[in-house]
């Protein structure tokens, strides 16, 4: 890969990304300001095709980048230092100021806003940590035989679950239940809550009839350790004809929680770009999943990612994703930017 081949590959990725049409030598010559002849460019395109970096859809058609070509471009030719314009930052700041800062709602709202801004599909996960726990429980009577258990995680998330009892709740029951849950089940990981804690909580209440409330509290604790995944803007992908054959596989992928955890949770601070051809269990030619980790404070991390066509304009899209991840982490941590 000499410098001219690199320039040719970069130009074809840019031109193909603009309209999704194969790039011919004539159009490429215009991109180079006719400083290089069409014949020379055809030779370079043939060489890149032989290297597996370009493909020729039809005999007489121009070239398009292959999955291998996109991977080479992303790893070696992509300028990752592009900055987001100040005006666009200001608009995104305004979007975040209007969002609900509850972690569950914030992740969902951020995903929806980024999907609207980019015209792609966006996935976002709520913060997760190995030691995520419940910091506070509150029990409220919502019916004669029904109690609502509210749990606040140490990440600031709020979850609720109802419990049905076999007897009518009496005055003071909700307060006693709240006290028992906060005494025996707070600031413990799900793995640390065993049968003895449940028995101790039940004994403190003087009866096993309250067990449905204790069970609801433990369920909330277990659910708190599993990040929620939000997917927004799926309809935007219907605008890209080349994705039609892989759309069903994409939906199957996002219904597989374990697969999403593996591939939509970057292990480093860098933005990760995964091509659909690179997922062994869910091959999705034409798709790209670009993800960025955000830091929510207290060692908690989540992720936000863009799902779109492989030919998306990476240089413009990556700064948007990274700025959303930055603001998402700041809002999750309670560090809200001033007007």
C-alpha atoms as a PDB file:
ATOM      1  CA  UNK A   1       0.000   0.000   0.000  1.00  0.00           C
ATOM      2  CA  UNK A   2       1.886   3.025  -1.269  1.00  0.00           C
ATOM      3  CA  UNK A   3       0.654   6.560  -0.686  1.00  0.00           C
ATOM      4  CA  UNK A   4      -1.337   6.779  -3.933  1.00  0.00           C
ATOM      5  CA  UNK A   5      -3.205   3.547  -3.252  1.00  0.00           C
ATOM      6  CA  UNK A   6      -4.068   4.871   0.183  1.00  0.00           C
ATOM      7  CA  UNK A   7      -5.368   8.102  -1.331  1.00  0.00           C
ATOM      8  CA  UNK A   8      -7.416   6.161  -3.896  1.00  0.00           C
ATOM      9  CA  UNK A   9      -8.958   3.927  -1.226  1.00  0.00           C
ATOM     10  CA  UNK A  10      -9.746   6.924   1.002  1.00  0.00           C
ATOM     11  CA  UNK A  11     -11.379   8.737  -1.929  1.00  0.00           C
ATOM     12  CA  UNK A  12     -13.505   5.722  -2.914  1.00  0.00           C
ATOM     13  CA  UNK A  13     -14.703   5.252   0.665  1.00  0.00           C
ATOM     14  CA  UNK A  14     -15.707   8.945   0.748  1.00  0.00           C
ATOM     15  CA  UNK A  15     -17.429   8.965  -2.653  1.00  0.00           C
ATOM     16  CA  UNK A  16     -19.257   5.675  -2.115  1.00  0.00           C
ATOM     17  CA  UNK A  17     -20.416   6.878   1.294  1.00  0.00           C
ATOM     18  CA  UNK A  18     -21.997   9.956  -0.253  1.00  0.00           C
ATOM     19  CA  UNK A  19     -24.519   8.225  -2.553  1.00  0.00           C
ATOM     20  CA  UNK A  20     -23.974   4.459  -2.343  1.00  0.00           C
ATOM     21  CA  UNK A  21     -23.065   4.201  -6.030  1.00  0.00           C
ATOM     22  CA  UNK A  22     -19.979   2.338  -7.338  1.00  0.00           C
ATOM     23  CA  UNK A  23     -17.099   4.710  -8.040  1.00  0.00           C
ATOM     24  CA  UNK A  24     -15.656   4.817 -11.564  1.00  0.00           C
ATOM     25  CA  UNK A  25     -12.269   6.124 -12.684  1.00  0.00           C
ATOM     26  CA  UNK A  26     -13.831   9.261 -14.216  1.00  0.00           C
ATOM     27  CA  UNK A  27     -15.427  10.371 -10.970  1.00  0.00           C
ATOM     28  CA  UNK A  28     -12.252   9.473  -9.109  1.00  0.00           C
ATOM     29  CA  UNK A  29     -10.185  11.597 -11.538  1.00  0.00           C
ATOM     30  CA  UNK A  30     -12.441  14.562 -10.720  1.00  0.00           C
ATOM     31  CA  UNK A  31     -11.831  13.967  -7.025  1.00  0.00           C
ATOM     32  CA  UNK A  32      -8.085  14.177  -7.713  1.00  0.00           C
ATOM     33  CA  UNK A  33      -8.516  17.362  -9.749  1.00  0.00           C
ATOM     34  CA  UNK A  34      -7.436  15.467 -12.881  1.00  0.00           C
ATOM     35  CA  UNK A  35      -3.883  15.460 -11.501  1.00  0.00           C
ATOM     36  CA  UNK A  36      -3.845  11.681 -12.101  1.00  0.00           C
ATOM     37  CA  UNK A  37      -5.056  10.127 -15.358  1.00  0.00           C
ATOM     38  CA  UNK A  38      -8.092   7.842 -15.501  1.00  0.00           C
ATOM     39  CA  UNK A  39      -5.898   5.046 -16.884  1.00  0.00           C
ATOM     40  CA  UNK A  40      -3.542   5.272 -13.906  1.00  0.00           C
ATOM     41  CA  UNK A  41      -6.463   5.310 -11.505  1.00  0.00           C
ATOM     42  CA  UNK A  42      -7.961   2.224 -13.175  1.00  0.00           C
ATOM     43  CA  UNK A  43      -4.672   0.421 -12.626  1.00  0.00           C
ATOM     44  CA  UNK A  44      -4.630   1.435  -8.971  1.00  0.00           C
ATOM     45  CA  UNK A  45      -8.255   0.311  -8.545  1.00  0.00           C
ATOM     46  CA  UNK A  46      -7.404  -3.039 -10.135  1.00  0.00           C
ATOM     47  CA  UNK A  47      -4.477  -3.445  -7.740  1.00  0.00           C
ATOM     48  CA  UNK A  48      -6.662  -2.623  -4.733  1.00  0.00           C
ATOM     49  CA  UNK A  49      -9.242  -5.123  -5.970  1.00  0.00           C
ATOM     50  CA  UNK A  50      -6.545  -7.778  -6.215  1.00  0.00           C
ATOM     51  CA  UNK A  51      -5.586  -6.988  -2.606  1.00  0.00           C
ATOM     52  CA  UNK A  52      -9.220  -7.593  -1.585  1.00  0.00           C
ATOM     53  CA  UNK A  53      -9.780  -3.983  -0.516  1.00  0.00           C
ATOM     54  CA  UNK A  54     -12.213  -3.136  -3.337  1.00  0.00           C
ATOM     55  CA  UNK A  55     -14.985  -5.054  -5.052  1.00  0.00           C
ATOM     56  CA  UNK A  56     -16.554  -4.701  -8.491  1.00  0.00           C
ATOM     57  CA  UNK A  57     -20.316  -5.374  -8.249  1.00  0.00           C
ATOM     58  CA  UNK A  58     -20.699  -5.712 -12.036  1.00  0.00           C
ATOM     59  CA  UNK A  59     -18.251  -6.176 -14.880  1.00  0.00           C
ATOM     60  CA  UNK A  60     -18.681  -2.688 -16.297  1.00  0.00           C
ATOM     61  CA  UNK A  61     -19.375  -0.956 -12.991  1.00  0.00           C
ATOM     62  CA  UNK A  62     -17.026   1.011 -10.795  1.00  0.00           C
ATOM     63  CA  UNK A  63     -15.600  -0.208  -7.509  1.00  0.00           C
ATOM     64  CA  UNK A  64     -16.920  -0.237  -3.945  1.00  0.00           C
ATOM     65  CA  UNK A  65     -14.951  -0.837  -0.731  1.00  0.00           C
ATOM     66  CA  UNK A  66     -15.001  -4.403   0.570  1.00  0.00           C
ATOM     67  CA  UNK A  67     -15.337  -5.261   4.258  1.00  0.00           C
ATOM     68  CA  UNK A  68     -11.557  -5.732   4.293  1.00  0.00           C
ATOM     69  CA  UNK A  69     -11.165  -2.333   2.623  1.00  0.00           C
ATOM     70  CA  UNK A  70     -13.326  -0.652   5.242  1.00  0.00           C
ATOM     71  CA  UNK A  71     -11.359  -2.321   8.020  1.00  0.00           C
ATOM     72  CA  UNK A  72      -8.088  -1.083   6.516  1.00  0.00           C
ATOM     73  CA  UNK A  73      -9.553   2.415   6.126  1.00  0.00           C
ATOM     74  CA  UNK A  74     -10.839   2.523   9.723  1.00  0.00           C
ATOM     75  CA  UNK A  75      -7.605   1.198  11.211  1.00  0.00           C
ATOM     76  CA  UNK A  76      -5.106   3.112   9.069  1.00  0.00           C
ATOM     77  CA  UNK A  77      -6.615   5.990   7.112  1.00  0.00           C
ATOM     78  CA  UNK A  78      -9.378   7.436   9.249  1.00  0.00           C
ATOM     79  CA  UNK A  79      -8.637  10.805  10.819  1.00  0.00           C
ATOM     80  CA  UNK A  80      -9.963  10.404  14.361  1.00  0.00           C
ATOM     81  CA  UNK A  81      -8.980  13.911  15.423  1.00  0.00           C
ATOM     82  CA  UNK A  82     -11.954  15.661  13.826  1.00  0.00           C
ATOM     83  CA  UNK A  83     -13.781  18.039  16.154  1.00  0.00           C
ATOM     84  CA  UNK A  84     -17.483  18.738  16.422  1.00  0.00           C
ATOM     85  CA  UNK A  85     -18.444  22.287  15.367  1.00  0.00           C
ATOM     86  CA  UNK A  86     -19.228  24.592  18.293  1.00  0.00           C
ATOM     87  CA  UNK A  87     -22.772  25.253  17.061  1.00  0.00           C
ATOM     88  CA  UNK A  88     -23.570  21.533  16.912  1.00  0.00           C
ATOM     89  CA  UNK A  89     -22.174  21.083  20.426  1.00  0.00           C
ATOM     90  CA  UNK A  90     -24.449  23.846  21.636  1.00  0.00           C
ATOM     91  CA  UNK A  91     -27.495  22.174  20.052  1.00  0.00           C
ATOM     92  CA  UNK A  92     -26.618  18.841  21.654  1.00  0.00           C
ATOM     93  CA  UNK A  93     -26.130  20.567  25.020  1.00  0.00           C
ATOM     94  CA  UNK A  94     -29.660  21.935  24.740  1.00  0.00           C
ATOM     95  CA  UNK A  95     -31.024  18.462  23.971  1.00  0.00           C
ATOM     96  CA  UNK A  96     -29.458  17.047  27.137  1.00  0.00           C
ATOM     97  CA  UNK A  97     -30.759  19.860  29.339  1.00  0.00           C
ATOM     98  CA  UNK A  98     -34.306  18.850  28.420  1.00  0.00           C
ATOM     99  CA  UNK A  99     -33.808  15.171  29.331  1.00  0.00           C
ATOM    100  CA  UNK A 100     -34.910  13.356  32.495  1.00  0.00           C
ATOM    101  CA  UNK A 101     -31.709  12.555  34.429  1.00  0.00           C
ATOM    102  CA  UNK A 102     -32.935   9.272  35.849  1.00  0.00           C
ATOM    103  CA  UNK A 103     -30.313   6.807  34.442  1.00  0.00           C
ATOM    104  CA  UNK A 104     -32.915   4.557  32.813  1.00  0.00           C
ATOM    105  CA  UNK A 105     -34.756   7.392  31.090  1.00  0.00           C
ATOM    106  CA  UNK A 106     -31.569   9.287  30.286  1.00  0.00           C
ATOM    107  CA  UNK A 107     -30.022   6.402  28.339  1.00  0.00           C
ATOM    108  CA  UNK A 108     -33.230   5.940  26.365  1.00  0.00           C
ATOM    109  CA  UNK A 109     -33.623   9.672  25.668  1.00  0.00           C
ATOM    110  CA  UNK A 110     -30.004  10.042  24.567  1.00  0.00           C
ATOM    111  CA  UNK A 111     -30.369   7.101  22.179  1.00  0.00           C
ATOM    112  CA  UNK A 112     -33.508   8.617  20.667  1.00  0.00           C
ATOM    113  CA  UNK A 113     -31.906  12.052  20.272  1.00  0.00           C
ATOM    114  CA  UNK A 114     -28.770  10.662  18.608  1.00  0.00           C
ATOM    115  CA  UNK A 115     -30.893   8.531  16.250  1.00  0.00           C
ATOM    116  CA  UNK A 116     -32.847  11.624  15.206  1.00  0.00           C
ATOM    117  CA  UNK A 117     -29.643  13.633  14.748  1.00  0.00           C
ATOM    118  CA  UNK A 118     -27.736  11.076  12.663  1.00  0.00           C
ATOM    119  CA  UNK A 119     -30.540   9.307  10.823  1.00  0.00           C
ATOM    120  CA  UNK A 120     -29.205   5.933  11.969  1.00  0.00           C
ATOM    121  CA  UNK A 121     -30.204   3.420  14.637  1.00  0.00           C
ATOM    122  CA  UNK A 122     -28.737   3.941  18.119  1.00  0.00           C
ATOM    123  CA  UNK A 123     -28.197   1.513  20.993  1.00  0.00           C
ATOM    124  CA  UNK A 124     -27.523   2.603  24.585  1.00  0.00           C
ATOM    125  CA  UNK A 125     -27.005   0.629  27.777  1.00  0.00           C
ATOM    126  CA  UNK A 126     -27.541   1.759  31.354  1.00  0.00           C
ATOM    127  CA  UNK A 127     -24.524   1.822  33.705  1.00  0.00           C
ATOM    128  CA  UNK A 128     -23.252  -1.475  34.996  1.00  0.00           C
ATOM    129  CA  UNK A 129     -20.712  -2.546  37.566  1.00  0.00           C
ATOM    130  CA  UNK A 130     -19.776  -5.761  39.273  1.00  0.00           C
ATOM    131  CA  UNK A 131     -20.666  -4.202  42.628  1.00  0.00           C
ATOM    132  CA  UNK A 132     -23.884  -2.400  41.657  1.00  0.00           C
ATOM    133  CA  UNK A 133     -26.269  -2.589  44.609  1.00  0.00           C
ATOM    134  CA  UNK A 134     -29.407  -1.053  46.099  1.00  0.00           C
ATOM    135  CA  UNK A 135     -28.750   2.004  48.258  1.00  0.00           C
ATOM    136  CA  UNK A 136     -32.311   2.498  49.505  1.00  0.00           C
ATOM    137  CA  UNK A 137     -35.675   0.713  49.526  1.00  0.00           C
ATOM    138  CA  UNK A 138     -39.094   2.231  50.017  1.00  0.00           C
ATOM    139  CA  UNK A 139     -42.338   0.256  50.367  1.00  0.00           C
ATOM    140  CA  UNK A 140     -45.672   1.919  49.604  1.00  0.00           C
ATOM    141  CA  UNK A 141     -49.194   0.538  49.882  1.00  0.00           C
ATOM    142  CA  UNK A 142     -50.929   0.856  46.503  1.00  0.00           C
ATOM    143  CA  UNK A 143     -53.934  -1.361  47.200  1.00  0.00           C
ATOM    144  CA  UNK A 144     -55.536  -3.191  50.063  1.00  0.00           C
ATOM    145  CA  UNK A 145     -53.516  -6.345  49.306  1.00  0.00           C
ATOM    146  CA  UNK A 146     -50.752  -4.799  47.148  1.00  0.00           C
ATOM    147  CA  UNK A 147     -47.458  -3.116  47.986  1.00  0.00           C
ATOM    148  CA  UNK A 148     -45.059  -1.353  45.612  1.00  0.00           C
ATOM    149  CA  UNK A 149     -41.356  -1.847  46.314  1.00  0.00           C
ATOM    150  CA  UNK A 150     -39.181   1.030  45.090  1.00  0.00           C
ATOM    151  CA  UNK A 151     -35.402   0.582  44.915  1.00  0.00           C
ATOM    152  CA  UNK A 152     -32.747   3.245  44.316  1.00  0.00           C
ATOM    153  CA  UNK A 153     -29.399   1.907  43.082  1.00  0.00           C
ATOM    154  CA  UNK A 154     -26.018   3.334  44.023  1.00  0.00           C
ATOM    155  CA  UNK A 155     -25.856   4.575  40.391  1.00  0.00           C
ATOM    156  CA  UNK A 156     -28.988   6.675  40.944  1.00  0.00           C
ATOM    157  CA  UNK A 157     -31.354   4.423  38.999  1.00  0.00           C
ATOM    158  CA  UNK A 158     -34.867   3.836  40.266  1.00  0.00           C
ATOM    159  CA  UNK A 159     -36.733   0.557  39.839  1.00  0.00           C
ATOM    160  CA  UNK A 160     -40.121  -0.593  41.103  1.00  0.00           C
ATOM    161  CA  UNK A 161     -41.944  -3.883  41.485  1.00  0.00           C
ATOM    162  CA  UNK A 162     -45.297  -4.772  43.012  1.00  0.00           C
ATOM    163  CA  UNK A 163     -46.002  -7.576  45.475  1.00  0.00           C
ATOM    164  CA  UNK A 164     -49.394  -9.229  46.129  1.00  0.00           C
ATOM    165  CA  UNK A 165     -50.132 -10.304  49.689  1.00  0.00           C
ATOM    166  CA  UNK A 166     -52.709 -12.733  51.092  1.00  0.00           C
ATOM    167  CA  UNK A 167     -53.922 -10.301  53.741  1.00  0.00           C
ATOM    168  CA  UNK A 168     -54.892  -6.655  53.970  1.00  0.00           C
ATOM    169  CA  UNK A 169     -52.001  -4.382  54.834  1.00  0.00           C
ATOM    170  CA  UNK A 170     -52.313  -2.552  58.132  1.00  0.00           C
ATOM    171  CA  UNK A 171     -51.194   0.964  59.092  1.00  0.00           C
ATOM    172  CA  UNK A 172     -47.452   0.951  59.699  1.00  0.00           C
ATOM    173  CA  UNK A 173     -46.764  -2.211  57.651  1.00  0.00           C
ATOM    174  CA  UNK A 174     -45.169  -0.286  54.784  1.00  0.00           C
ATOM    175  CA  UNK A 175     -42.832   1.558  57.132  1.00  0.00           C
ATOM    176  CA  UNK A 176     -41.780  -1.653  58.917  1.00  0.00           C
ATOM    177  CA  UNK A 177     -41.168  -3.379  55.599  1.00  0.00           C
ATOM    178  CA  UNK A 178     -39.034  -0.481  54.363  1.00  0.00           C
ATOM    179  CA  UNK A 179     -36.967  -0.606  57.538  1.00  0.00           C
ATOM    180  CA  UNK A 180     -36.382  -4.366  57.240  1.00  0.00           C
ATOM    181  CA  UNK A 181     -35.318  -4.115  53.585  1.00  0.00           C
ATOM    182  CA  UNK A 182     -32.918  -1.253  54.302  1.00  0.00           C
ATOM    183  CA  UNK A 183     -31.431  -3.149  57.242  1.00  0.00           C
ATOM    184  CA  UNK A 184     -30.823  -6.506  55.559  1.00  0.00           C
ATOM    185  CA  UNK A 185     -30.672  -5.966  51.785  1.00  0.00           C
ATOM    186  CA  UNK A 186     -29.044  -2.598  51.026  1.00  0.00           C
ATOM    187  CA  UNK A 187     -25.438  -2.187  49.889  1.00  0.00           C
ATOM    188  CA  UNK A 188     -25.133  -5.873  49.074  1.00  0.00           C
ATOM    189  CA  UNK A 189     -24.485  -7.384  45.662  1.00  0.00           C
ATOM    190  CA  UNK A 190     -27.004  -9.913  44.370  1.00  0.00           C
ATOM    191  CA  UNK A 191     -24.463 -12.709  44.963  1.00  0.00           C
ATOM    192  CA  UNK A 192     -24.174 -11.720  48.637  1.00  0.00           C
ATOM    193  CA  UNK A 193     -27.898 -11.969  49.393  1.00  0.00           C
ATOM    194  CA  UNK A 194     -28.552 -15.509  50.512  1.00  0.00           C
ATOM    195  CA  UNK A 195     -31.355 -17.333  52.278  1.00  0.00           C
ATOM    196  CA  UNK A 196     -30.078 -16.282  55.700  1.00  0.00           C
ATOM    197  CA  UNK A 197     -30.603 -12.589  54.891  1.00  0.00           C
ATOM    198  CA  UNK A 198     -34.124 -13.363  53.727  1.00  0.00           C
ATOM    199  CA  UNK A 199     -34.856 -15.321  56.924  1.00  0.00           C
ATOM    200  CA  UNK A 200     -33.396 -12.577  59.106  1.00  0.00           C
ATOM    201  CA  UNK A 201     -35.522  -9.937  57.380  1.00  0.00           C
ATOM    202  CA  UNK A 202     -38.651 -12.109  57.734  1.00  0.00           C
ATOM    203  CA  UNK A 203     -37.906 -12.754  61.431  1.00  0.00           C
ATOM    204  CA  UNK A 204     -37.501  -9.031  62.072  1.00  0.00           C
ATOM    205  CA  UNK A 205     -41.044  -8.594  60.749  1.00  0.00           C
ATOM    206  CA  UNK A 206     -42.331 -11.405  62.961  1.00  0.00           C
ATOM    207  CA  UNK A 207     -43.999 -13.351  60.142  1.00  0.00           C
ATOM    208  CA  UNK A 208     -43.296 -15.104  56.836  1.00  0.00           C
ATOM    209  CA  UNK A 209     -46.481 -13.660  55.300  1.00  0.00           C
ATOM    210  CA  UNK A 210     -44.437 -10.660  54.128  1.00  0.00           C
ATOM    211  CA  UNK A 211     -42.214 -12.887  51.985  1.00  0.00           C
ATOM    212  CA  UNK A 212     -43.667 -11.631  48.633  1.00  0.00           C
ATOM    213  CA  UNK A 213     -42.346  -8.145  49.460  1.00  0.00           C
ATOM    214  CA  UNK A 214     -38.914  -9.530  50.367  1.00  0.00           C
ATOM    215  CA  UNK A 215     -38.883 -11.565  47.160  1.00  0.00           C
ATOM    216  CA  UNK A 216     -39.764  -8.469  45.106  1.00  0.00           C
ATOM    217  CA  UNK A 217     -36.890  -6.569  46.746  1.00  0.00           C
ATOM    218  CA  UNK A 218     -34.376  -9.309  45.924  1.00  0.00           C
ATOM    219  CA  UNK A 219     -35.635  -9.460  42.328  1.00  0.00           C
ATOM    220  CA  UNK A 220     -35.046  -5.724  42.000  1.00  0.00           C
ATOM    221  CA  UNK A 221     -31.515  -6.204  43.310  1.00  0.00           C
ATOM    222  CA  UNK A 222     -30.790  -8.917  40.738  1.00  0.00           C
ATOM    223  CA  UNK A 223     -32.263  -6.852  37.927  1.00  0.00           C
ATOM    224  CA  UNK A 224     -30.190  -3.822  38.961  1.00  0.00           C
ATOM    225  CA  UNK A 225     -26.998  -5.706  38.116  1.00  0.00           C
ATOM    226  CA  UNK A 226     -28.166  -6.312  34.549  1.00  0.00           C
ATOM    227  CA  UNK A 227     -27.871  -3.259  32.285  1.00  0.00           C
ATOM    228  CA  UNK A 228     -30.912  -2.336  30.246  1.00  0.00           C
ATOM    229  CA  UNK A 229     -30.449  -2.045  26.497  1.00  0.00           C
ATOM    230  CA  UNK A 230     -32.369   0.588  24.533  1.00  0.00           C
ATOM    231  CA  UNK A 231     -32.640   0.546  20.755  1.00  0.00           C
ATOM    232  CA  UNK A 232     -33.981   3.623  18.969  1.00  0.00           C
ATOM    233  CA  UNK A 233     -34.373   4.645  15.336  1.00  0.00           C
ATOM    234  CA  UNK A 234     -34.650   1.172  13.807  1.00  0.00           C
ATOM    235  CA  UNK A 235     -36.952   2.637  11.129  1.00  0.00           C
ATOM    236  CA  UNK A 236     -34.081   4.821   9.893  1.00  0.00           C
ATOM    237  CA  UNK A 237     -32.283   1.733   8.588  1.00  0.00           C
ATOM    238  CA  UNK A 238     -35.072   1.130   6.070  1.00  0.00           C
ATOM    239  CA  UNK A 239     -33.652   4.072   4.094  1.00  0.00           C
ATOM    240  CA  UNK A 240     -30.618   1.981   3.106  1.00  0.00           C
ATOM    241  CA  UNK A 241     -31.498  -0.649   0.524  1.00  0.00           C
ATOM    242  CA  UNK A 242     -28.206  -2.504   0.972  1.00  0.00           C
ATOM    243  CA  UNK A 243     -29.188  -3.379   4.573  1.00  0.00           C
ATOM    244  CA  UNK A 244     -32.464  -5.122   3.713  1.00  0.00           C
ATOM    245  CA  UNK A 245     -31.011  -8.642   3.613  1.00  0.00           C
ATOM    246  CA  UNK A 246     -29.350  -8.267   7.023  1.00  0.00           C
ATOM    247  CA  UNK A 247     -32.107  -6.392   8.889  1.00  0.00           C
ATOM    248  CA  UNK A 248     -33.688  -9.562  10.320  1.00  0.00           C
ATOM    249  CA  UNK A 249     -30.307 -10.752  11.606  1.00  0.00           C
ATOM    250  CA  UNK A 250     -29.772  -7.376  13.275  1.00  0.00           C
ATOM    251  CA  UNK A 251     -33.036  -7.702  15.196  1.00  0.00           C
ATOM    252  CA  UNK A 252     -32.063 -11.238  16.256  1.00  0.00           C
ATOM    253  CA  UNK A 253     -28.706  -9.896  17.429  1.00  0.00           C
ATOM    254  CA  UNK A 254     -30.280  -7.240  19.643  1.00  0.00           C
ATOM    255  CA  UNK A 255     -32.641  -9.789  21.172  1.00  0.00           C
ATOM    256  CA  UNK A 256     -29.586 -11.794  22.296  1.00  0.00           C
ATOM    257  CA  UNK A 257     -28.609 -10.064  25.554  1.00  0.00           C
ATOM    258  CA  UNK A 258     -25.316 -11.902  25.913  1.00  0.00           C
ATOM    259  CA  UNK A 259     -24.240 -11.038  22.361  1.00  0.00           C
ATOM    260  CA  UNK A 260     -25.072  -7.377  22.929  1.00  0.00           C
ATOM    261  CA  UNK A 261     -22.994  -7.394  26.133  1.00  0.00           C
ATOM    262  CA  UNK A 262     -20.021  -8.825  24.237  1.00  0.00           C
ATOM    263  CA  UNK A 263     -20.083  -6.546  21.232  1.00  0.00           C
ATOM    264  CA  UNK A 264     -21.683  -3.288  22.447  1.00  0.00           C
ATOM    265  CA  UNK A 265     -19.512  -2.827  25.541  1.00  0.00           C
ATOM    266  CA  UNK A 266     -16.100  -1.382  24.591  1.00  0.00           C
ATOM    267  CA  UNK A 267     -13.262  -2.639  26.763  1.00  0.00           C
ATOM    268  CA  UNK A 268     -11.253   0.590  26.385  1.00  0.00           C
ATOM    269  CA  UNK A 269     -11.795   4.337  26.187  1.00  0.00           C
ATOM    270  CA  UNK A 270     -11.434   4.320  22.394  1.00  0.00           C
ATOM    271  CA  UNK A 271     -14.372   4.360  20.026  1.00  0.00           C
ATOM    272  CA  UNK A 272     -14.863   0.845  18.667  1.00  0.00           C
ATOM    273  CA  UNK A 273     -15.979   0.197  15.092  1.00  0.00           C
ATOM    274  CA  UNK A 274     -17.240  -3.328  14.407  1.00  0.00           C
ATOM    275  CA  UNK A 275     -18.271  -4.359  10.901  1.00  0.00           C
ATOM    276  CA  UNK A 276     -21.243  -6.660  10.390  1.00  0.00           C
ATOM    277  CA  UNK A 277     -19.034  -9.203   8.584  1.00  0.00           C
ATOM    278  CA  UNK A 278     -16.920  -9.546  11.735  1.00  0.00           C
ATOM    279  CA  UNK A 279     -19.615 -10.982  14.027  1.00  0.00           C
ATOM    280  CA  UNK A 280     -19.205 -14.774  13.855  1.00  0.00           C
ATOM    281  CA  UNK A 281     -22.670 -15.688  15.182  1.00  0.00           C
ATOM    282  CA  UNK A 282     -24.553 -12.846  13.474  1.00  0.00           C
ATOM    283  CA  UNK A 283     -22.982 -11.969  10.137  1.00  0.00           C
ATOM    284  CA  UNK A 284     -24.611  -8.785   8.822  1.00  0.00           C
ATOM    285  CA  UNK A 285     -22.946  -7.667   5.574  1.00  0.00           C
ATOM    286  CA  UNK A 286     -23.338  -3.950   5.012  1.00  0.00           C
ATOM    287  CA  UNK A 287     -23.829  -3.092   8.703  1.00  0.00           C
ATOM    288  CA  UNK A 288     -21.515  -1.251  11.051  1.00  0.00           C
ATOM    289  CA  UNK A 289     -21.779  -0.938  14.841  1.00  0.00           C
ATOM    290  CA  UNK A 290     -19.802   1.971  16.278  1.00  0.00           C
ATOM    291  CA  UNK A 291     -19.720   2.152  20.088  1.00  0.00           C
ATOM    292  CA  UNK A 292     -18.255   4.403  22.745  1.00  0.00           C
ATOM    293  CA  UNK A 293     -18.050   3.738  26.476  1.00  0.00           C
ATOM    294  CA  UNK A 294     -19.198   6.398  28.911  1.00  0.00           C
ATOM    295  CA  UNK A 295     -18.168   6.797  32.551  1.00  0.00           C
ATOM    296  CA  UNK A 296     -21.060   7.304  34.938  1.00  0.00           C
ATOM    297  CA  UNK A 297     -19.004   7.833  38.084  1.00  0.00           C
ATOM    298  CA  UNK A 298     -18.245   5.481  40.936  1.00  0.00           C
ATOM    299  CA  UNK A 299     -16.632   2.955  38.605  1.00  0.00           C
ATOM    300  CA  UNK A 300     -19.876   2.485  36.670  1.00  0.00           C
ATOM    301  CA  UNK A 301     -19.768   2.320  32.881  1.00  0.00           C
ATOM    302  CA  UNK A 302     -22.281   2.103  30.067  1.00  0.00           C
ATOM    303  CA  UNK A 303     -22.142   2.349  26.299  1.00  0.00           C
ATOM    304  CA  UNK A 304     -23.812   4.206  23.477  1.00  0.00           C
ATOM    305  CA  UNK A 305     -23.452   3.161  19.870  1.00  0.00           C
ATOM    306  CA  UNK A 306     -24.549   3.933  16.331  1.00  0.00           C
ATOM    307  CA  UNK A 307     -25.819   1.178  14.068  1.00  0.00           C
ATOM    308  CA  UNK A 308     -25.871   2.010  10.396  1.00  0.00           C
ATOM    309  CA  UNK A 309     -24.511   1.184   6.947  1.00  0.00           C
ATOM    310  CA  UNK A 310     -20.819   0.417   6.572  1.00  0.00           C
ATOM    311  CA  UNK A 311     -20.597   3.374   4.192  1.00  0.00           C
ATOM    312  CA  UNK A 312     -21.521   5.938   6.869  1.00  0.00           C
ATOM    313  CA  UNK A 313     -19.290   9.062   7.011  1.00  0.00           C
ATOM    314  CA  UNK A 314     -17.052   8.030   9.904  1.00  0.00           C
ATOM    315  CA  UNK A 315     -15.147  11.310  10.144  1.00  0.00           C
ATOM    316  CA  UNK A 316     -18.365  13.250  10.856  1.00  0.00           C
ATOM    317  CA  UNK A 317     -20.188  10.542  12.823  1.00  0.00           C
ATOM    318  CA  UNK A 318     -17.497   9.613  15.362  1.00  0.00           C
ATOM    319  CA  UNK A 319     -17.249  13.116  16.949  1.00  0.00           C
ATOM    320  CA  UNK A 320     -21.047  13.183  17.398  1.00  0.00           C
ATOM    321  CA  UNK A 321     -21.018   9.794  19.101  1.00  0.00           C
ATOM    322  CA  UNK A 322     -18.115  10.754  21.345  1.00  0.00           C
ATOM    323  CA  UNK A 323     -19.754  14.006  22.431  1.00  0.00           C
ATOM    324  CA  UNK A 324     -23.001  12.197  23.266  1.00  0.00           C
ATOM    325  CA  UNK A 325     -21.001   9.677  25.323  1.00  0.00           C
ATOM    326  CA  UNK A 326     -19.236  12.503  27.165  1.00  0.00           C
ATOM    327  CA  UNK A 327     -22.491  14.293  28.067  1.00  0.00           C
ATOM    328  CA  UNK A 328     -24.250  11.037  28.925  1.00  0.00           C
ATOM    329  CA  UNK A 329     -21.518  10.181  31.432  1.00  0.00           C
ATOM    330  CA  UNK A 330     -21.544  13.678  32.914  1.00  0.00           C
ATOM    331  CA  UNK A 331     -25.320  13.663  33.355  1.00  0.00           C
ATOM    332  CA  UNK A 332     -25.244  10.165  34.865  1.00  0.00           C
ATOM    333  CA  UNK A 333     -22.613  11.424  37.329  1.00  0.00           C
ATOM    334  CA  UNK A 334     -24.630  14.512  38.204  1.00  0.00           C
ATOM    335  CA  UNK A 335     -22.114  16.857  36.563  1.00  0.00           C
ATOM    336  CA  UNK A 336     -24.568  18.919  34.543  1.00  0.00           C
ATOM    337  CA  UNK A 337     -23.139  21.643  32.327  1.00  0.00           C
ATOM    338  CA  UNK A 338     -24.129  25.216  33.066  1.00  0.00           C
ATOM    339  CA  UNK A 339     -26.012  27.386  30.618  1.00  0.00           C
END
